C-alpha cells in the first residue's frame, strides 16, 4: 500500500514539521515500506498465541542483598560547597 504525498504532508502538519519536497519523497517511500511490512505481519498465523503486554518475561527487580546502614551524614556533606542545617544548600531554580 503506497502512502501518498498528501498523506505525508498531513502527518507532517500534525507534527508541525517543515518538510522539503525531497523529505516528502523520502518519507513517502519509507512509510510505504513500513505499511507493506505490517501487511506481511498480518499474514502470520497467531492462532493459539496468548496476548501479552511484554515481549520478554518480567523478572523480579527487588535487590537480593541485605540492607545496610548508609554513609555517615557528615561524610556525605564533607565536600558540599554550601550547607545549611545539615542539608545541601543550592540556589533556587524557581522564582
Protein backbone atom coordinates (compact mmCIF):
# COMPACT_ATOMS: atom_id res chain seq x y z
CA UNK A 1 0.00 0.00 0.00
CA UNK A 2 1.57 3.23 -1.11
CA UNK A 3 1.36 6.35 1.02
CA UNK A 4 0.52 9.48 -0.96
CA UNK A 5 2.38 12.76 -0.82
CA UNK A 6 -0.73 14.39 0.64
CA UNK A 7 -0.75 11.86 3.49
CA UNK A 8 2.90 12.60 4.23
CA UNK A 9 2.13 16.34 4.22
CA UNK A 10 -0.84 15.74 6.54
CA UNK A 11 1.31 13.80 9.03
CA UNK A 12 3.99 16.50 8.84
CA UNK A 13 1.34 19.13 9.57
CA UNK A 14 0.08 17.18 12.58
CA UNK A 15 3.62 17.04 13.97
CA UNK A 16 4.33 20.60 12.91
CA UNK A 17 7.25 19.56 10.73
CA UNK A 18 8.52 21.62 7.85
CA UNK A 19 9.47 19.17 5.13
CA UNK A 20 11.14 19.87 1.82
CA UNK A 21 9.98 18.15 -1.37
CA UNK A 22 12.98 15.79 -1.03
CA UNK A 23 11.94 14.91 2.53
CA UNK A 24 8.38 14.24 1.43
CA UNK A 25 9.56 11.90 -1.33
CA UNK A 26 11.91 10.05 1.05
CA UNK A 27 9.32 9.70 3.80
CA UNK A 28 6.67 8.63 1.29
CA UNK A 29 8.88 5.72 0.24
CA UNK A 30 9.91 4.81 3.79
CA UNK A 31 6.38 4.94 5.20
CA UNK A 32 5.08 2.86 2.30
CA UNK A 33 7.70 0.20 3.08
CA UNK A 34 6.68 0.19 6.75
CA UNK A 35 2.99 -0.26 5.84
CA UNK A 36 3.92 -3.07 3.44
CA UNK A 37 5.83 -4.82 6.22
CA UNK A 38 2.80 -4.59 8.52
CA UNK A 39 0.74 -6.26 5.80
CA UNK A 40 3.26 -9.13 5.79
CA UNK A 41 2.99 -9.38 9.58
CA UNK A 42 -0.80 -9.59 9.37
CA UNK A 43 -0.42 -12.84 7.43
CA UNK A 44 1.44 -14.55 10.30
CA UNK A 45 -0.62 -17.26 11.97
CA UNK A 46 -1.05 -16.23 15.61
CA UNK A 47 -3.73 -18.79 16.44
CA UNK A 48 -3.14 -20.12 19.94
CA UNK A 49 -0.65 -17.40 20.87
CA UNK A 50 -1.76 -15.69 24.07
CA UNK A 51 -1.77 -11.88 24.08
CA UNK A 52 0.91 -10.31 26.21
CA UNK A 53 1.84 -6.82 27.26
CA UNK A 54 5.58 -7.55 27.17
CA UNK A 55 7.73 -9.37 24.68
CA UNK A 56 10.01 -10.72 27.40
CA UNK A 57 9.14 -12.36 30.69
CA UNK A 58 9.19 -9.94 33.60
CA UNK A 59 11.61 -10.64 36.39
CA UNK A 60 11.62 -9.56 39.99
CA UNK A 61 13.62 -6.37 40.25
CA UNK A 62 13.98 -6.40 44.01
CA UNK A 63 17.50 -6.45 45.40
CA UNK A 64 18.64 -9.79 46.74
CA UNK A 65 21.24 -8.40 49.13
CA UNK A 66 20.71 -7.30 52.73
CA UNK A 67 20.12 -3.67 53.63
CA UNK A 68 22.99 -1.97 55.40
CA UNK A 69 23.49 1.40 57.07
CA UNK A 70 24.04 4.38 54.83
CA UNK A 71 27.14 6.55 54.91
CA UNK A 72 27.53 8.91 57.89
CA UNK A 73 25.73 12.19 57.39
CA UNK A 74 28.86 14.29 57.95
CA UNK A 75 30.86 12.26 55.41
CA UNK A 76 28.23 12.94 52.76
CA UNK A 77 28.21 16.67 53.44
CA UNK A 78 32.00 16.94 53.83
CA UNK A 79 32.58 18.09 50.23
CA UNK A 80 29.43 20.19 49.90
CA UNK A 81 30.38 23.75 48.98
CA UNK A 82 27.34 25.11 50.83
CA UNK A 83 25.47 23.54 53.72
CA UNK A 84 22.58 24.69 55.82
CA UNK A 85 21.15 22.91 58.86
CA UNK A 86 22.56 19.54 57.80
CA UNK A 87 21.43 19.73 54.16
CA UNK A 88 22.96 20.68 50.82
CA UNK A 89 22.27 24.32 50.07
CA UNK A 90 21.58 25.11 46.42
CA UNK A 91 20.43 28.20 44.62
CA UNK A 92 16.70 28.45 43.97
CA UNK A 93 15.81 27.41 40.45
CA UNK A 94 12.22 28.63 40.57
CA UNK A 95 11.30 32.21 41.20
